C-alpha atoms as a PDB file:
ATOM      1  CA  UNK A   1     112.072  30.642  86.000  1.00  0.00           C
ATOM      2  CA  UNK A   2     114.488  32.163  88.542  1.00  0.00           C
ATOM      3  CA  UNK A   3     112.227  35.289  88.816  1.00  0.00           C
ATOM      4  CA  UNK A   4     109.042  33.096  89.260  1.00  0.00           C
ATOM      5  CA  UNK A   5     110.555  31.296  92.189  1.00  0.00           C
ATOM      6  CA  UNK A   6     111.404  34.598  93.947  1.00  0.00           C
ATOM      7  CA  UNK A   7     107.955  36.074  93.650  1.00  0.00           C
ATOM      8  CA  UNK A   8     107.118  34.962  97.117  1.00  0.00           C
ATOM      9  CA  UNK A   9     110.567  35.416  98.647  1.00  0.00           C
ATOM     10  CA  UNK A  10     110.275  37.396 101.948  1.00  0.00           C
ATOM     11  CA  UNK A  11     113.617  36.309 103.407  1.00  0.00           C
ATOM     12  CA  UNK A  12     115.089  39.074 105.626  1.00  0.00           C
ATOM     13  CA  UNK A  13     112.126  41.403 105.391  1.00  0.00           C
ATOM     14  CA  UNK A  14     110.920  43.162 108.727  1.00  0.00           C
ATOM     15  CA  UNK A  15     107.321  42.527 109.595  1.00  0.00           C
ATOM     16  CA  UNK A  16     105.195  43.876 112.424  1.00  0.00           C
ATOM     17  CA  UNK A  17     102.083  42.077 113.500  1.00  0.00           C
ATOM     18  CA  UNK A  18      99.550  43.724 115.860  1.00  0.00           C
ATOM     19  CA  UNK A  19      97.128  41.186 117.515  1.00  0.00           C
ATOM     20  CA  UNK A  20      99.807  38.502 117.234  1.00  0.00           C
ATOM     21  CA  UNK A  21      98.323  36.303 119.970  1.00  0.00           C
ATOM     22  CA  UNK A  22      95.000  35.990 118.233  1.00  0.00           C
ATOM     23  CA  UNK A  23      94.389  33.008 116.001  1.00  0.00           C
ATOM     24  CA  UNK A  24      95.210  34.774 112.738  1.00  0.00           C
ATOM     25  CA  UNK A  25      98.165  36.707 114.139  1.00  0.00           C
ATOM     26  CA  UNK A  26      99.591  33.606 115.642  1.00  0.00           C
ATOM     27  CA  UNK A  27      99.276  31.570 112.372  1.00  0.00           C
ATOM     28  CA  UNK A  28     100.662  34.450 110.348  1.00  0.00           C
ATOM     29  CA  UNK A  29     103.685  34.865 112.662  1.00  0.00           C
ATOM     30  CA  UNK A  30     104.517  31.237 112.463  1.00  0.00           C
ATOM     31  CA  UNK A  31     104.349  31.215 108.676  1.00  0.00           C
ATOM     32  CA  UNK A  32     106.379  34.323 108.300  1.00  0.00           C
ATOM     33  CA  UNK A  33     108.934  32.931 110.568  1.00  0.00           C
ATOM     34  CA  UNK A  34     109.253  30.005 108.285  1.00  0.00           C
ATOM     35  CA  UNK A  35     109.597  32.298 105.326  1.00  0.00           C
ATOM     36  CA  UNK A  36     112.647  33.807 106.980  1.00  0.00           C
ATOM     37  CA  UNK A  37     110.898  37.005 108.115  1.00  0.00           C
ATOM     38  CA  UNK A  38     112.247  39.088 110.914  1.00  0.00           C
ATOM     39  CA  UNK A  39     109.210  39.494 113.311  1.00  0.00           C
ATOM     40  CA  UNK A  40     108.028  42.194 115.749  1.00  0.00           C
ATOM     41  CA  UNK A  41     104.915  40.692 117.479  1.00  0.00           C
ATOM     42  CA  UNK A  42     102.523  42.737 119.514  1.00  0.00           C
ATOM     43  CA  UNK A  43      99.706  41.672 121.704  1.00  0.00           C
ATOM     44  CA  UNK A  44      97.846  42.450 124.979  1.00  0.00           C
ATOM     45  CA  UNK A  45      98.385  39.074 126.634  1.00  0.00           C
ATOM     46  CA  UNK A  46     101.904  39.059 127.829  1.00  0.00           C
ATOM     47  CA  UNK A  47     101.907  35.410 128.715  1.00  0.00           C
ATOM     48  CA  UNK A  48     100.586  34.107 125.256  1.00  0.00           C
ATOM     49  CA  UNK A  49     102.886  36.681 123.570  1.00  0.00           C
ATOM     50  CA  UNK A  50     106.057  35.142 125.386  1.00  0.00           C
ATOM     51  CA  UNK A  51     104.961  31.752 124.395  1.00  0.00           C
ATOM     52  CA  UNK A  52     104.638  32.712 120.753  1.00  0.00           C
ATOM     53  CA  UNK A  53     108.006  34.604 120.804  1.00  0.00           C
ATOM     54  CA  UNK A  54     109.659  31.485 122.096  1.00  0.00           C
ATOM     55  CA  UNK A  55     108.004  29.247 119.633  1.00  0.00           C
ATOM     56  CA  UNK A  56     109.086  31.263 116.600  1.00  0.00           C
ATOM     57  CA  UNK A  57     112.599  31.725 117.982  1.00  0.00           C
ATOM     58  CA  UNK A  58     112.812  27.888 118.205  1.00  0.00           C
ATOM     59  CA  UNK A  59     111.905  27.973 114.504  1.00  0.00           C
ATOM     60  CA  UNK A  60     114.952  30.041 113.937  1.00  0.00           C
ATOM     61  CA  UNK A  61     113.300  33.522 113.528  1.00  0.00           C
ATOM     62  CA  UNK A  62     114.672  36.782 114.738  1.00  0.00           C
ATOM     63  CA  UNK A  63     111.848  38.087 116.851  1.00  0.00           C
ATOM     64  CA  UNK A  64     111.082  40.887 119.299  1.00  0.00           C
ATOM     65  CA  UNK A  65     107.748  41.325 121.268  1.00  0.00           C
ATOM     66  CA  UNK A  66     105.865  44.264 122.343  1.00  0.00           C
ATOM     67  CA  UNK A  67     103.116  43.518 125.152  1.00  0.00           C
ATOM     68  CA  UNK A  68     100.794  46.246 123.854  1.00  0.00           C
ATOM     69  CA  UNK A  69      97.448  46.510 121.906  1.00  0.00           C
ATOM     70  CA  UNK A  70      97.076  49.251 119.293  1.00  0.00           C
ATOM     71  CA  UNK A  71      94.972  51.492 121.697  1.00  0.00           C
ATOM     72  CA  UNK A  72      96.946  54.757 121.664  1.00  0.00           C
ATOM     73  CA  UNK A  73      99.413  56.399 119.540  1.00  0.00           C
ATOM     74  CA  UNK A  74     102.071  55.678 122.040  1.00  0.00           C
ATOM     75  CA  UNK A  75     101.296  52.090 121.636  1.00  0.00           C
ATOM     76  CA  UNK A  76     101.658  51.962 117.853  1.00  0.00           C
ATOM     77  CA  UNK A  77     104.680  54.158 117.902  1.00  0.00           C
ATOM     78  CA  UNK A  78     106.414  51.596 120.338  1.00  0.00           C
ATOM     79  CA  UNK A  79     105.510  48.918 118.097  1.00  0.00           C
ATOM     80  CA  UNK A  80     107.188  50.542 115.136  1.00  0.00           C
ATOM     81  CA  UNK A  81     110.095  51.736 117.214  1.00  0.00           C
ATOM     82  CA  UNK A  82     110.711  48.206 118.475  1.00  0.00           C
ATOM     83  CA  UNK A  83     110.741  46.796 114.910  1.00  0.00           C
ATOM     84  CA  UNK A  84     113.253  49.430 113.650  1.00  0.00           C
ATOM     85  CA  UNK A  85     115.448  49.025 116.759  1.00  0.00           C
ATOM     86  CA  UNK A  86     115.482  45.234 116.446  1.00  0.00           C
ATOM     87  CA  UNK A  87     115.681  44.775 112.736  1.00  0.00           C
ATOM     88  CA  UNK A  88     116.790  48.171 111.295  1.00  0.00           C
ATOM     89  CA  UNK A  89     113.679  48.992 109.359  1.00  0.00           C
ATOM     90  CA  UNK A  90     110.005  48.051 108.667  1.00  0.00           C
ATOM     91  CA  UNK A  91     108.702  46.545 105.477  1.00  0.00           C
ATOM     92  CA  UNK A  92     105.490  44.616 106.308  1.00  0.00           C
ATOM     93  CA  UNK A  93     102.588  45.301 108.595  1.00  0.00           C
ATOM     94  CA  UNK A  94      99.633  43.104 109.508  1.00  0.00           C
ATOM     95  CA  UNK A  95      96.781  44.644 111.548  1.00  0.00           C
ATOM     96  CA  UNK A  96      95.268  41.552 113.115  1.00  0.00           C
ATOM     97  CA  UNK A  97      93.904  42.987 116.332  1.00  0.00           C
ATOM     98  CA  UNK A  98      90.155  43.395 116.949  1.00  0.00           C
ATOM     99  CA  UNK A  99      87.041  42.290 118.804  1.00  0.00           C
ATOM    100  CA  UNK A 100      83.364  41.868 118.681  1.00  0.00           C
ATOM    101  CA  UNK A 101      80.357  42.526 120.889  1.00  0.00           C
ATOM    102  CA  UNK A 102      76.941  40.961 120.010  1.00  0.00           C
ATOM    103  CA  UNK A 103      73.489  42.381 120.933  1.00  0.00           C
ATOM    104  CA  UNK A 104      70.496  43.797 119.145  1.00  0.00           C
ATOM    105  CA  UNK A 105      70.888  47.543 118.593  1.00  0.00           C
ATOM    106  CA  UNK A 106      68.215  48.522 120.870  1.00  0.00           C
ATOM    107  CA  UNK A 107      69.867  46.725 123.779  1.00  0.00           C
ATOM    108  CA  UNK A 108      73.564  47.409 123.013  1.00  0.00           C
ATOM    109  CA  UNK A 109      75.077  49.953 125.419  1.00  0.00           C
ATOM    110  CA  UNK A 110      76.987  52.731 123.475  1.00  0.00           C
ATOM    111  CA  UNK A 111      80.094  51.689 125.472  1.00  0.00           C
ATOM    112  CA  UNK A 112      80.140  48.286 123.791  1.00  0.00           C
ATOM    113  CA  UNK A 113      79.713  49.949 120.333  1.00  0.00           C
ATOM    114  CA  UNK A 114      82.590  52.167 121.128  1.00  0.00           C
ATOM    115  CA  UNK A 115      84.739  49.290 122.236  1.00  0.00           C
ATOM    116  CA  UNK A 116      84.272  47.506 118.859  1.00  0.00           C
ATOM    117  CA  UNK A 117      84.900  50.526 116.920  1.00  0.00           C
ATOM    118  CA  UNK A 118      88.019  51.380 118.950  1.00  0.00           C
ATOM    119  CA  UNK A 119      89.464  47.972 118.635  1.00  0.00           C
ATOM    120  CA  UNK A 120      88.719  47.339 115.109  1.00  0.00           C
ATOM    121  CA  UNK A 121      88.774  50.803 113.439  1.00  0.00           C
ATOM    122  CA  UNK A 122      90.701  53.063 115.609  1.00  0.00           C
ATOM    123  CA  UNK A 123      93.379  50.448 116.319  1.00  0.00           C
ATOM    124  CA  UNK A 124      93.926  49.760 112.638  1.00  0.00           C
ATOM    125  CA  UNK A 125      94.012  53.477 111.835  1.00  0.00           C
ATOM    126  CA  UNK A 126      96.601  54.186 114.572  1.00  0.00           C
ATOM    127  CA  UNK A 127      98.680  51.301 113.581  1.00  0.00           C
ATOM    128  CA  UNK A 128      98.600  52.554 109.970  1.00  0.00           C
ATOM    129  CA  UNK A 129      99.488  55.998 111.063  1.00  0.00           C
ATOM    130  CA  UNK A 130     102.594  54.948 112.919  1.00  0.00           C
ATOM    131  CA  UNK A 131     103.750  52.491 110.441  1.00  0.00           C
ATOM    132  CA  UNK A 132     103.122  54.853 107.620  1.00  0.00           C
ATOM    133  CA  UNK A 133     105.328  57.406 109.012  1.00  0.00           C
ATOM    134  CA  UNK A 134     108.208  54.910 109.076  1.00  0.00           C
ATOM    135  CA  UNK A 135     107.467  53.565 105.567  1.00  0.00           C
ATOM    136  CA  UNK A 136     107.327  56.963 104.118  1.00  0.00           C
ATOM    137  CA  UNK A 137     110.514  57.953 105.986  1.00  0.00           C
ATOM    138  CA  UNK A 138     112.296  54.943 104.547  1.00  0.00           C
ATOM    139  CA  UNK A 139     111.137  55.928 100.984  1.00  0.00           C
ATOM    140  CA  UNK A 140     111.348  52.488  99.381  1.00  0.00           C
ATOM    141  CA  UNK A 141     107.672  51.131  99.692  1.00  0.00           C
ATOM    142  CA  UNK A 142     106.236  48.498 101.732  1.00  0.00           C
ATOM    143  CA  UNK A 143     103.140  46.428 102.264  1.00  0.00           C
ATOM    144  CA  UNK A 144     100.227  46.693 104.785  1.00  0.00           C
ATOM    145  CA  UNK A 145      97.559  44.263 105.275  1.00  0.00           C
ATOM    146  CA  UNK A 146      94.356  44.897 107.277  1.00  0.00           C
ATOM    147  CA  UNK A 147      91.824  42.250 108.469  1.00  0.00           C
ATOM    148  CA  UNK A 148      88.287  42.786 107.615  1.00  0.00           C
ATOM    149  CA  UNK A 149      85.510  40.106 107.216  1.00  0.00           C
ATOM    150  CA  UNK A 150      82.706  39.066 104.872  1.00  0.00           C
ATOM    151  CA  UNK A 151      80.619  41.101 107.289  1.00  0.00           C
ATOM    152  CA  UNK A 152      82.105  44.213 105.918  1.00  0.00           C
ATOM    153  CA  UNK A 153      80.110  43.491 102.731  1.00  0.00           C
ATOM    154  CA  UNK A 154      77.032  41.572 104.119  1.00  0.00           C
ATOM    155  CA  UNK A 155      74.870  42.402 107.072  1.00  0.00           C
ATOM    156  CA  UNK A 156      73.741  39.857 109.642  1.00  0.00           C
ATOM    157  CA  UNK A 157      70.533  39.579 111.674  1.00  0.00           C
ATOM    158  CA  UNK A 158      72.336  38.484 114.824  1.00  0.00           C
ATOM    159  CA  UNK A 159      73.265  41.701 116.695  1.00  0.00           C
ATOM    160  CA  UNK A 160      76.180  42.786 114.549  1.00  0.00           C
ATOM    161  CA  UNK A 161      75.391  46.439 114.279  1.00  0.00           C
ATOM    162  CA  UNK A 162      78.788  47.452 115.638  1.00  0.00           C
ATOM    163  CA  UNK A 163      80.816  44.605 113.958  1.00  0.00           C
ATOM    164  CA  UNK A 164      79.732  45.031 110.446  1.00  0.00           C
ATOM    165  CA  UNK A 165      79.984  48.674 110.098  1.00  0.00           C
ATOM    166  CA  UNK A 166      83.519  48.443 111.774  1.00  0.00           C
ATOM    167  CA  UNK A 167      84.715  45.834 109.046  1.00  0.00           C
ATOM    168  CA  UNK A 168      83.157  48.124 106.307  1.00  0.00           C
ATOM    169  CA  UNK A 169      85.253  50.908 107.591  1.00  0.00           C
ATOM    170  CA  UNK A 170      88.310  48.763 107.477  1.00  0.00           C
ATOM    171  CA  UNK A 171      87.691  48.092 103.754  1.00  0.00           C
ATOM    172  CA  UNK A 172      87.401  51.715 102.942  1.00  0.00           C
ATOM    173  CA  UNK A 173      90.478  52.702 105.222  1.00  0.00           C
ATOM    174  CA  UNK A 174      92.556  50.377 102.982  1.00  0.00           C
ATOM    175  CA  UNK A 175      91.237  51.917  99.777  1.00  0.00           C
ATOM    176  CA  UNK A 176      91.824  55.313 100.948  1.00  0.00           C
ATOM    177  CA  UNK A 177      95.357  54.624 102.017  1.00  0.00           C
ATOM    178  CA  UNK A 178      96.034  52.694  98.819  1.00  0.00           C
ATOM    179  CA  UNK A 179      95.250  55.866  96.932  1.00  0.00           C
ATOM    180  CA  UNK A 180      97.090  58.137  99.366  1.00  0.00           C
ATOM    181  CA  UNK A 181     100.350  56.075  99.568  1.00  0.00           C
ATOM    182  CA  UNK A 182     100.306  54.600  96.063  1.00  0.00           C
ATOM    183  CA  UNK A 183     102.862  57.116  94.779  1.00  0.00           C
ATOM    184  CA  UNK A 184     105.275  56.093  97.538  1.00  0.00           C
ATOM    185  CA  UNK A 185     104.912  52.394  96.483  1.00  0.00           C
ATOM    186  CA  UNK A 186     103.316  51.481  99.816  1.00  0.00           C
ATOM    187  CA  UNK A 187     100.581  48.863  99.108  1.00  0.00           C
ATOM    188  CA  UNK A 188      97.553  48.563 101.279  1.00  0.00           C
ATOM    189  CA  UNK A 189      95.192  45.483 101.062  1.00  0.00           C
ATOM    190  CA  UNK A 190      92.627  43.626 103.130  1.00  0.00           C
ATOM    191  CA  UNK A 191      91.902  39.969 103.775  1.00  0.00           C
ATOM    192  CA  UNK A 192      88.218  39.344 104.542  1.00  0.00           C
ATOM    193  CA  UNK A 193      87.543  35.872 106.053  1.00  0.00           C
ATOM    194  CA  UNK A 194      84.329  34.232 106.917  1.00  0.00           C
ATOM    195  CA  UNK A 195      84.072  32.320 110.179  1.00  0.00           C
ATOM    196  CA  UNK A 196      87.372  30.808 111.095  1.00  0.00           C
ATOM    197  CA  UNK A 197      88.430  28.978 114.370  1.00  0.00           C
ATOM    198  CA  UNK A 198      89.442  31.316 117.217  1.00  0.00           C
ATOM    199  CA  UNK A 199      88.708  31.845 120.839  1.00  0.00           C
ATOM    200  CA  UNK A 200      85.578  33.758 119.758  1.00  0.00           C
ATOM    201  CA  UNK A 201      84.283  31.232 117.482  1.00  0.00           C
ATOM    202  CA  UNK A 202      85.535  27.845 118.974  1.00  0.00           C
ATOM    203  CA  UNK A 203      82.024  27.171 120.243  1.00  0.00           C
ATOM    204  CA  UNK A 204      80.738  26.939 116.631  1.00  0.00           C
ATOM    205  CA  UNK A 205      83.066  24.019 115.986  1.00  0.00           C
ATOM    206  CA  UNK A 206      81.440  21.877 118.846  1.00  0.00           C
ATOM    207  CA  UNK A 207      78.821  19.233 118.746  1.00  0.00           C
ATOM    208  CA  UNK A 208      76.073  20.579 121.092  1.00  0.00           C
ATOM    209  CA  UNK A 209      72.760  21.658 119.442  1.00  0.00           C
ATOM    210  CA  UNK A 210      73.387  25.408 119.230  1.00  0.00           C
ATOM    211  CA  UNK A 211      76.823  24.825 117.627  1.00  0.00           C
ATOM    212  CA  UNK A 212      75.564  22.269 115.124  1.00  0.00           C
ATOM    213  CA  UNK A 213      72.599  24.589 114.176  1.00  0.00           C
ATOM    214  CA  UNK A 214      74.671  27.629 113.792  1.00  0.00           C
ATOM    215  CA  UNK A 215      77.441  25.655 111.859  1.00  0.00           C
ATOM    216  CA  UNK A 216      74.927  24.036 109.512  1.00  0.00           C
ATOM    217  CA  UNK A 217      73.383  27.378 108.608  1.00  0.00           C
ATOM    218  CA  UNK A 218      76.725  28.742 107.834  1.00  0.00           C
ATOM    219  CA  UNK A 219      77.737  25.555 105.828  1.00  0.00           C
ATOM    220  CA  UNK A 220      74.691  25.922 103.768  1.00  0.00           C
ATOM    221  CA  UNK A 221      76.154  29.128 102.320  1.00  0.00           C
ATOM    222  CA  UNK A 222      79.713  27.900 101.869  1.00  0.00           C
ATOM    223  CA  UNK A 223      80.332  25.963  98.671  1.00  0.00           C
ATOM    224  CA  UNK A 224      83.572  24.455  99.822  1.00  0.00           C
ATOM    225  CA  UNK A 225      81.546  22.737 102.673  1.00  0.00           C
ATOM    226  CA  UNK A 226      83.467  23.637 105.813  1.00  0.00           C
ATOM    227  CA  UNK A 227      84.412  26.455 108.070  1.00  0.00           C
ATOM    228  CA  UNK A 228      87.906  27.886 108.068  1.00  0.00           C
ATOM    229  CA  UNK A 229      91.011  27.347 110.070  1.00  0.00           C
ATOM    230  CA  UNK A 230      93.567  29.912 110.783  1.00  0.00           C
ATOM    231  CA  UNK A 231      96.128  28.342 108.510  1.00  0.00           C
ATOM    232  CA  UNK A 232      93.517  28.849 105.651  1.00  0.00           C
ATOM    233  CA  UNK A 233      94.253  32.645 105.826  1.00  0.00           C
ATOM    234  CA  UNK A 234      98.168  32.781 105.961  1.00  0.00           C
ATOM    235  CA  UNK A 235      98.479  32.178 102.140  1.00  0.00           C
ATOM    236  CA  UNK A 236      96.667  35.455 101.418  1.00  0.00           C
ATOM    237  CA  UNK A 237      98.951  37.209 103.863  1.00  0.00           C
ATOM    238  CA  UNK A 238     102.011  35.927 102.154  1.00  0.00           C
ATOM    239  CA  UNK A 239     100.732  36.860  98.863  1.00  0.00           C
ATOM    240  CA  UNK A 240      99.859  40.581  99.711  1.00  0.00           C
ATOM    241  CA  UNK A 241     103.254  40.858 101.517  1.00  0.00           C
ATOM    242  CA  UNK A 242     105.254  39.556  98.565  1.00  0.00           C
ATOM    243  CA  UNK A 243     106.211  40.586  95.080  1.00  0.00           C
ATOM    244  CA  UNK A 244     103.593  38.295  93.824  1.00  0.00           C
ATOM    245  CA  UNK A 245     101.046  41.105  94.442  1.00  0.00           C
ATOM    246  CA  UNK A 246     103.297  44.006  93.538  1.00  0.00           C
ATOM    247  CA  UNK A 247     100.455  45.449  91.247  1.00  0.00           C
ATOM    248  CA  UNK A 248      97.748  44.889  93.830  1.00  0.00           C
ATOM    249  CA  UNK A 249      96.618  47.718  96.260  1.00  0.00           C
ATOM    250  CA  UNK A 250      93.413  48.758  97.677  1.00  0.00           C
ATOM    251  CA  UNK A 251      91.908  45.245  97.200  1.00  0.00           C
ATOM    252  CA  UNK A 252      89.635  43.185  99.424  1.00  0.00           C
ATOM    253  CA  UNK A 253      90.359  39.470  99.143  1.00  0.00           C
ATOM    254  CA  UNK A 254      87.490  37.222 100.506  1.00  0.00           C
ATOM    255  CA  UNK A 255      88.850  34.151 102.051  1.00  0.00           C
ATOM    256  CA  UNK A 256      85.494  32.498 102.590  1.00  0.00           C
ATOM    257  CA  UNK A 257      84.967  29.148 100.856  1.00  0.00           C
ATOM    258  CA  UNK A 258      82.725  30.765  98.289  1.00  0.00           C
ATOM    259  CA  UNK A 259      80.399  32.395 100.931  1.00  0.00           C
ATOM    260  CA  UNK A 260      80.151  35.914  99.066  1.00  0.00           C
ATOM    261  CA  UNK A 261      79.701  34.028  95.765  1.00  0.00           C
ATOM    262  CA  UNK A 262      76.205  32.739  96.762  1.00  0.00           C
END
């Protein structure tokens, strides 16, 4: 029974969250703070980052913030260095930074395609590179969680020719790194949500005709009958970060209310 109770114990672990000011990153930071995790939070919006830092500090967490996005090797190296400087080591990594640009492929400027790929794929890759070097140097394992989407598995006739391929790339990046780092006991997994409330999707939760029409179309495919909230995703992060998933790596967990089951 004692061993069962400690399966999800993360007390004292050092976690780095990139994209911490987004809906998922913020919810994860608060949940990890409540679990006793030492936090390094990174994000491009300095004001929102400072507010989040203060909030988790008030909850009693040890936290350091890095006002950067994972855009360059210098950015991700700085995030990892801040975690090690503040907390002595790095154990857990959440890559929650990303974006979308919607347009039919025939109308999408290549610059917008590149923006999505850089934010979603390149940023995750760079974070894994910098964090991986530290985890391998420490030599005692670790856990990395990448953020994909049901759109990494399913296409969408709504101008997602950049977003869907970018999320499919995240899935395969995780599987590749799971194979590469498995012998070093570094686990790499993916959470793949359907629509959840964020700045990008808030309009879908409204009551105007466009919002209701779009939402009802989505709900017709979701057996649980509702769209997601950020808090619906944090349990999966805690699972993949903890010993409860110690024999899981290279997995894509769909947090979608049954969307991919239909």
